[in-house]
Protein backbone atom coordinates (compact mmCIF):
# COMPACT_ATOMS: atom_id res chain seq x y z
CA MET A 1 11.20 28.41 33.16
CA SER A 2 13.45 25.83 32.28
CA ARG A 3 10.95 22.99 32.03
CA LEU A 4 9.55 24.86 29.12
CA PHE A 5 12.80 24.36 27.46
CA THR A 6 13.46 21.40 28.28
CA PRO A 7 14.71 19.04 25.24
CA ALA A 8 12.09 16.69 23.88
CA PRO A 9 13.10 12.84 25.23
CA ALA A 10 14.55 10.55 22.73
CA PRO A 11 12.05 8.98 20.14
CA PRO A 12 11.08 5.44 20.63
CA THR A 13 12.97 4.89 16.99
CA GLN A 14 14.72 6.75 14.27
CA LEU A 15 11.14 6.63 12.48
CA GLY A 16 10.33 9.71 15.38
CA GLN A 17 12.92 11.66 14.39
CA TYR A 18 11.19 13.65 12.18
CA ARG A 19 12.06 16.01 8.98
CA ILE A 20 10.78 18.50 7.31
CA LEU A 21 8.47 17.59 4.29
CA SER A 22 10.11 20.03 1.75
CA SER A 23 11.36 23.94 1.03
CA SER A 24 7.84 24.75 0.16
CA ALA A 25 6.04 22.70 3.25
CA GLY A 26 7.06 23.05 6.63
CA VAL A 27 5.08 20.47 8.14
CA ARG A 28 7.26 17.90 10.23
CA VAL A 29 6.76 14.09 9.32
CA SER A 30 8.33 10.91 10.00
CA PRO A 31 10.95 9.88 7.37
CA LEU A 32 8.81 6.71 6.20
CA GLN A 33 5.47 7.15 5.18
CA LEU A 34 2.56 4.17 6.10
CA GLY A 35 1.15 2.95 2.75
CA ALA A 36 -2.64 2.53 3.42
CA MET A 37 -3.58 0.59 0.56
CA SER A 38 -3.16 -2.73 2.41
CA ILE A 39 -5.84 -1.58 5.59
CA GLY A 40 -8.87 -3.47 4.05
CA ASP A 41 -9.96 -6.71 3.17
CA ALA A 42 -11.92 -6.00 -0.34
CA TRP A 43 -9.32 -6.52 -2.14
CA SER A 44 -7.52 -9.78 -0.65
CA ASN A 45 -8.06 -12.05 -3.42
CA PHE A 46 -6.15 -9.70 -5.94
CA LEU A 47 -3.81 -7.14 -4.07
CA GLY A 48 -3.81 -8.78 -0.83
CA GLY A 49 -5.42 -6.78 2.56
CA MET A 50 -6.13 -7.07 6.30
CA ASP A 51 -9.14 -7.12 8.24
CA LYS A 52 -9.72 -4.65 10.78
CA GLU A 53 -7.79 -5.92 13.74
CA ARG A 54 -5.04 -6.53 12.13
CA SER A 55 -4.89 -3.37 10.14
CA PHE A 56 -5.51 -1.34 13.70
CA ALA A 57 -2.34 -3.29 15.10
CA LEU A 58 -0.08 -2.61 12.40
CA LEU A 59 -1.25 1.44 12.66
CA ASP A 60 -0.62 0.88 16.05
CA ALA A 61 2.61 0.11 15.99
CA PHE A 62 3.17 2.50 13.34
CA TYR A 63 2.23 5.21 15.57
CA GLU A 64 4.18 3.79 18.95
CA LYS A 65 7.19 3.62 16.84
CA GLY A 66 7.43 7.10 16.02
CA GLY A 67 5.57 6.89 13.02
CA ASN A 68 2.96 10.15 11.70
CA PHE A 69 3.28 10.17 8.13
CA ILE A 70 0.14 8.34 6.34
CA ASP A 71 -0.62 7.62 2.81
CA THR A 72 -3.95 6.06 1.41
CA ALA A 73 -6.53 7.06 -1.74
CA ASN A 74 -10.16 7.70 -1.97
CA ASN A 75 -10.58 4.21 -4.05
CA TYR A 76 -8.09 1.59 -1.62
CA GLN A 77 -9.87 -1.38 -0.63
CA ASP A 78 -12.59 0.02 -2.35
CA GLU A 79 -13.31 3.01 0.44
CA GLN A 80 -12.14 0.78 3.29
CA SER A 81 -8.49 2.08 3.71
CA GLU A 82 -10.17 5.87 4.38
CA THR A 83 -12.88 4.54 6.54
CA TRP A 84 -10.78 2.27 8.86
CA LEU A 85 -8.14 5.11 9.14
CA GLY A 86 -10.77 7.62 10.26
CA GLU A 87 -12.19 4.87 12.80
CA TRP A 88 -8.60 4.35 14.13
CA MET A 89 -7.37 7.72 14.36
CA ALA A 90 -10.99 8.77 16.37
CA SER A 91 -10.70 5.64 18.60
CA ARG A 92 -7.17 6.37 19.70
CA GLY A 93 -7.92 10.35 19.48
CA ILE A 94 -5.06 11.27 17.56
CA ARG A 95 -6.08 12.88 14.70
CA ASP A 96 -3.94 16.05 14.97
CA ARG A 97 -1.21 14.02 15.69
CA ILE A 98 -1.17 12.49 12.74
CA VAL A 99 -0.08 13.82 8.85
CA LEU A 100 -2.67 12.24 6.36
CA ALA A 101 -2.49 12.55 2.23
CA THR A 102 -5.29 10.78 0.51
CA LYS A 103 -5.97 11.17 -3.45
CA PHE A 104 -8.34 11.80 -6.06
CA THR A 105 -8.85 11.48 -9.85
CA THR A 106 -9.77 7.60 -9.46
CA HIS A 107 -13.20 6.42 -9.44
CA TYR A 108 -13.49 5.36 -5.85
CA ARG A 109 -17.47 3.80 -6.58
CA SER A 110 -17.07 1.75 -9.40
CA TYR A 111 -17.13 -1.38 -6.81
CA GLU A 112 -20.67 -0.06 -5.46
CA ILE A 113 -22.38 1.64 -8.92
CA GLY A 114 -20.22 -0.21 -11.42
CA LYS A 115 -17.82 1.80 -14.44
CA GLY A 116 -20.79 3.04 -16.60
CA ASN A 117 -22.16 6.01 -17.22
CA ALA A 118 -23.72 6.61 -13.63
CA GLY A 119 -19.87 6.89 -12.45
CA ILE A 120 -18.60 8.81 -14.86
CA ASN A 121 -17.94 12.16 -12.85
CA TYR A 122 -16.96 10.25 -9.87
CA SER A 123 -13.22 10.32 -11.20
CA GLY A 124 -11.01 12.67 -13.39
CA ASN A 125 -8.91 15.59 -12.56
CA HIS A 126 -12.08 17.96 -12.94
CA ARG A 127 -13.92 20.17 -10.23
CA ARG A 128 -16.51 18.03 -10.34
CA SER A 129 -14.46 14.88 -9.35
CA LEU A 130 -12.06 16.60 -6.63
CA HIS A 131 -15.41 18.21 -4.86
CA VAL A 132 -17.43 14.86 -4.41
CA SER A 133 -13.94 12.97 -3.94
CA VAL A 134 -12.62 15.41 -1.09
CA ARG A 135 -16.38 15.63 0.46
CA ASP A 136 -16.44 12.00 0.91
CA SER A 137 -13.16 11.29 1.80
CA LEU A 138 -13.57 14.19 5.28
CA ARG A 139 -16.34 12.08 6.24
CA LYS A 140 -14.84 8.64 5.87
CA LEU A 141 -11.82 9.88 7.52
CA ARG A 142 -13.73 11.58 10.52
CA THR A 143 -12.05 14.83 9.79
CA ASP A 144 -12.46 18.35 9.10
CA TYR A 145 -9.22 18.94 7.05
CA ILE A 146 -6.42 16.86 5.11
CA ASP A 147 -2.95 17.59 5.53
CA ILE A 148 -1.77 16.49 1.95
CA LEU A 149 -4.52 16.03 -0.87
CA TYR A 150 -2.56 14.28 -4.28
CA LEU A 151 -3.90 14.62 -7.97
CA HIS A 152 -3.76 10.51 -8.39
CA TRP A 153 -2.57 10.66 -12.03
CA TRP A 154 -2.76 13.00 -15.09
CA ASP A 155 -5.81 12.24 -17.33
CA TYR A 156 -5.27 14.65 -19.91
CA THR A 157 -8.43 15.95 -19.94
CA THR A 158 -8.55 18.63 -17.63
CA SER A 159 -6.95 22.38 -18.21
CA ILE A 160 -4.37 23.00 -15.55
CA LYS A 161 -6.09 26.28 -14.93
CA GLU A 162 -8.98 24.64 -13.49
CA ILE A 163 -6.90 22.08 -11.38
CA MET A 164 -5.30 25.07 -9.58
CA ASP A 165 -7.95 26.97 -9.28
CA SER A 166 -10.33 24.51 -7.28
CA LEU A 167 -7.23 22.95 -5.23
CA HIS A 168 -6.16 26.41 -4.15
CA ILE A 169 -10.04 26.75 -2.88
CA LEU A 170 -9.78 24.04 -0.80
CA VAL A 171 -6.76 25.34 0.50
CA GLU A 172 -8.05 28.72 1.28
CA GLN A 173 -11.19 27.08 2.81
CA GLY A 174 -9.11 25.33 5.31
CA LYS A 175 -10.32 21.56 3.96
CA VAL A 176 -6.69 21.06 2.51
CA LEU A 177 -3.24 22.24 4.01
CA TYR A 178 -0.70 21.34 1.20
CA LEU A 179 -1.28 19.92 -2.50
CA GLY A 180 0.97 16.83 -4.10
CA ILE A 181 0.62 15.26 -7.51
CA SER A 182 1.29 11.40 -8.38
CA ASP A 183 2.38 9.71 -11.57
CA SER A 184 2.12 12.42 -13.73
CA PRO A 185 4.87 14.09 -16.06
CA ALA A 186 7.33 16.21 -15.08
CA TRP A 187 6.56 19.00 -17.62
CA ILE A 188 2.91 18.69 -16.18
CA VAL A 189 3.87 19.40 -13.00
CA ALA A 190 6.16 22.25 -13.64
CA ALA A 191 3.47 24.22 -15.91
CA ALA A 192 0.95 23.70 -13.15
CA ASN A 193 3.67 24.77 -10.33
CA THR A 194 4.60 27.78 -12.35
CA TYR A 195 1.14 28.94 -13.02
CA ALA A 196 0.08 28.62 -9.77
CA ILE A 197 3.20 30.96 -8.35
CA GLU A 198 2.31 33.26 -11.04
CA ASN A 199 -1.24 33.60 -10.39
CA GLY A 200 -1.08 33.51 -6.25
CA LYS A 201 -1.96 29.78 -5.91
CA THR A 202 -1.11 27.05 -4.35
CA PRO A 203 1.89 24.78 -5.96
CA PHE A 204 2.39 21.30 -5.62
CA SER A 205 4.94 20.78 -2.60
CA ILE A 206 5.36 16.88 -3.42
CA TYR A 207 5.51 13.90 -5.83
CA GLN A 208 4.61 10.45 -5.50
CA GLY A 209 5.69 8.00 -8.17
CA LEU A 210 7.90 4.70 -8.95
CA TRP A 211 11.09 4.75 -8.41
CA ASN A 212 13.58 2.27 -7.30
CA LEU A 213 17.16 0.37 -8.07
CA LEU A 214 15.12 -1.68 -11.17
CA GLU A 215 13.28 1.39 -12.40
CA ARG A 216 14.82 4.43 -12.34
CA SER A 217 13.40 6.75 -15.00
CA PHE A 218 11.99 8.97 -11.94
CA GLU A 219 15.81 10.05 -12.41
CA ARG A 220 15.68 11.66 -15.72
CA ASP A 221 13.35 14.55 -15.20
CA ILE A 222 11.18 14.29 -12.19
CA ILE A 223 13.98 14.54 -9.42
CA PRO A 224 15.20 17.94 -11.09
CA MET A 225 12.07 19.32 -11.37
CA ALA A 226 11.11 18.35 -7.55
CA ARG A 227 14.48 19.61 -7.00
CA HIS A 228 13.67 23.01 -9.01
CA PHE A 229 10.33 23.87 -7.38
CA GLY A 230 11.62 22.73 -3.91
CA MET A 231 9.00 19.41 -3.85
CA ALA A 232 9.54 16.13 -1.57
CA LEU A 233 9.38 13.30 -3.11
CA ALA A 234 7.62 9.79 -2.13
CA PRO A 235 8.55 6.81 -4.31
CA TRP A 236 6.43 3.92 -4.12
CA GLY A 237 8.01 0.10 -5.35
CA THR A 238 10.96 0.42 -3.18
CA GLU A 239 10.48 -2.93 -1.67
CA ASP A 240 8.96 -5.73 -3.43
CA GLU A 241 9.89 -5.09 -7.12
CA ILE A 242 13.70 -5.69 -6.11
CA ARG A 243 13.83 -8.05 -3.00
CA ALA A 244 15.16 -10.80 -4.83
CA SER A 245 18.00 -8.55 -5.84
CA GLU A 246 21.71 -10.32 -5.07
CA ALA A 247 23.23 -6.92 -5.36
CA LEU A 248 20.97 -5.55 -2.33
CA ALA A 249 21.69 -8.78 -0.25
CA LYS A 250 25.57 -8.38 -0.65
CA VAL A 251 25.46 -4.70 0.49
CA ALA A 252 23.02 -6.07 3.20
CA ALA A 253 25.84 -8.18 4.23
CA GLU A 254 28.21 -5.37 4.80
CA HIS A 255 26.27 -3.58 6.68
CA GLY A 256 25.54 -6.87 9.17
CA ILE A 257 21.77 -7.37 8.29
CA GLU A 258 20.06 -9.59 6.25
CA SER A 259 16.95 -7.16 5.15
CA VAL A 260 17.43 -6.03 1.47
CA THR A 261 14.22 -4.33 1.75
CA ALA A 262 16.11 -2.04 4.06
CA ILE A 263 18.99 -1.33 1.95
CA ALA A 264 16.67 -0.69 -1.23
CA LEU A 265 14.84 1.71 0.99
CA ALA A 266 18.24 3.38 1.99
CA TYR A 267 19.08 3.80 -1.56
CA VAL A 268 16.57 5.96 -2.55
CA LEU A 269 16.79 7.90 0.81
CA SER A 270 20.77 8.46 -0.19
CA LYS A 271 20.04 9.73 -3.91
CA ALA A 272 18.23 13.22 -3.20
CA PRO A 273 16.69 15.26 -0.38
CA ASN A 274 13.62 15.25 0.78
CA VAL A 275 12.63 11.53 -0.24
CA PHE A 276 9.69 10.27 2.06
CA PRO A 277 8.99 6.42 0.83
CA ILE A 278 6.18 4.41 1.30
CA VAL A 279 6.32 1.50 2.75
CA GLY A 280 3.28 -1.14 3.05
CA GLY A 281 3.44 -4.87 4.41
CA ARG A 282 1.20 -6.72 6.74
CA LYS A 283 3.62 -7.38 9.51
CA VAL A 284 4.94 -5.40 12.47
CA GLU A 285 8.36 -7.21 11.51
CA HIS A 286 8.01 -5.85 8.07
CA LEU A 287 7.58 -2.71 9.47
CA ASP A 288 11.09 -2.94 11.60
CA GLU A 289 12.69 -4.02 8.51
CA ASN A 290 11.75 -0.72 7.01
CA ILE A 291 13.29 1.17 10.14
CA GLN A 292 16.22 -0.18 9.80
CA ALA A 293 16.93 1.40 6.87
CA LEU A 294 16.47 5.31 8.28
CA SER A 295 19.98 4.05 10.56
CA ILE A 296 22.07 2.87 7.37
CA LYS A 297 24.11 5.27 5.58
CA LEU A 298 25.29 3.65 2.04
CA THR A 299 29.16 4.82 1.02
CA SER A 300 29.27 6.37 -2.46
CA GLU A 301 31.02 3.19 -3.37
CA GLN A 302 28.30 0.79 -2.65
CA VAL A 303 25.85 2.98 -4.59
CA GLU A 304 27.91 2.79 -7.37
CA TYR A 305 28.22 -0.94 -7.35
CA LEU A 306 24.51 -1.31 -6.70
CA GLU A 307 23.78 1.02 -9.84
CA SER A 308 26.43 -0.95 -11.71
CA VAL A 309 24.47 -3.89 -11.60
CA VAL A 310 21.28 -2.49 -13.55
CA PRO A 311 22.40 -0.48 -16.85
CA PHE A 312 20.38 2.78 -16.52
CA ASN A 313 20.59 5.34 -19.45
CA ILE A 314 19.38 9.05 -18.65
CA GLY A 315 18.64 9.52 -21.82
CA PHE A 316 18.64 12.96 -24.41
CA PRO A 317 19.89 15.49 -23.59
CA SER A 318 21.10 14.52 -20.18
CA SER A 319 23.53 12.16 -21.89
CA PHE A 320 24.47 15.09 -24.56
CA ILE A 321 25.26 18.01 -22.35
CA GLY A 322 25.37 16.03 -18.56
CA GLU A 323 23.69 16.98 -15.61
CA ASP A 324 23.51 20.02 -13.29
CA PRO A 325 26.97 20.08 -11.95
CA LYS A 326 25.82 21.80 -8.73
CA VAL A 327 24.36 18.66 -8.16
CA THR A 328 26.90 16.18 -9.47
CA LYS A 329 29.69 18.49 -8.63
CA LYS A 330 31.27 18.52 -11.74
CA SER A 331 31.13 19.62 -15.63
CA ALA A 332 30.19 17.39 -18.16
CA SER A 333 32.34 17.72 -21.53
CA ILE A 334 30.36 20.43 -23.16
CA LEU A 335 30.61 22.87 -20.16
CA ALA A 336 33.95 21.92 -19.63
CA SER A 337 35.22 22.66 -22.65
CA THR A 338 34.19 26.52 -22.03
CA GLY A 339 36.56 26.87 -18.86
CA ASN A 340 37.18 25.90 -15.78
CA LEU A 341 34.27 25.84 -13.26
CA ALA A 342 34.55 25.17 -9.89
CA PHE A 343 31.00 23.63 -8.39
């Protein structure tokens, strides 16, 4: 009996210190996601990529260091990303140990059949696009379920009802376990989740989008929306776009490291709960730099310093009425004028 309740051994790195995805999704995931856009070599000429040997080596390193959360999409590297991921998981016999996220909406066969009328229904948010994309993703990934399925980007052509009803059917069928949405306005996500909750459908549990020290629009409406619905956040663009920042280098030196990437990741991790950055790179050394972020705790002074370097206006109406005092722990001027409130 004592062996049954023996604590698990310590993980090989902080990457294996798993976290609950969100209050609406209890799956256990590594604190960083491996972005699989570089798994494959079909896009080498314009976005870069890796051959299969190097791809498998990076995937092996991520897994061996404790990582279990991988993000891909139906179209990445002209379908090589999903295909090679499926081959890798099958060859290692670890499909059920990986939390796999993929996406639909983008025309994933344009490289093969072109972008004309022949492929018009291979893209979009509608039920037909969803059906063929999930069917083909399951085949490429060599699995019978997808842990997290994202709507990749809002196309303004399909009703919320059609989307949420169609996605819910996939959850009921067991083909998809959790739902995510990417690159979409906060008001759309709020409307979709409200519809789902009020009609007994599956809501979105995670939002993916661009967020870093230089691009903080994410903080205006998306983070408050995610907090309200108990959604996780999956920021991308936390590495390459801010690599040259002198401010990041200064804070890195204060922590005794050279990696500004680690500080960039530590920054977004410090800003909100349930943040799971998507990290790329094509070398194990890049992965090791990313993992450093998990051991760094930025002080409030360091966060304020980083943010002072790049001015950010939260915008109206928050610039007028203030932000949520339950988060900021202080009343904005208008609320403060009504009396003394503690938060």
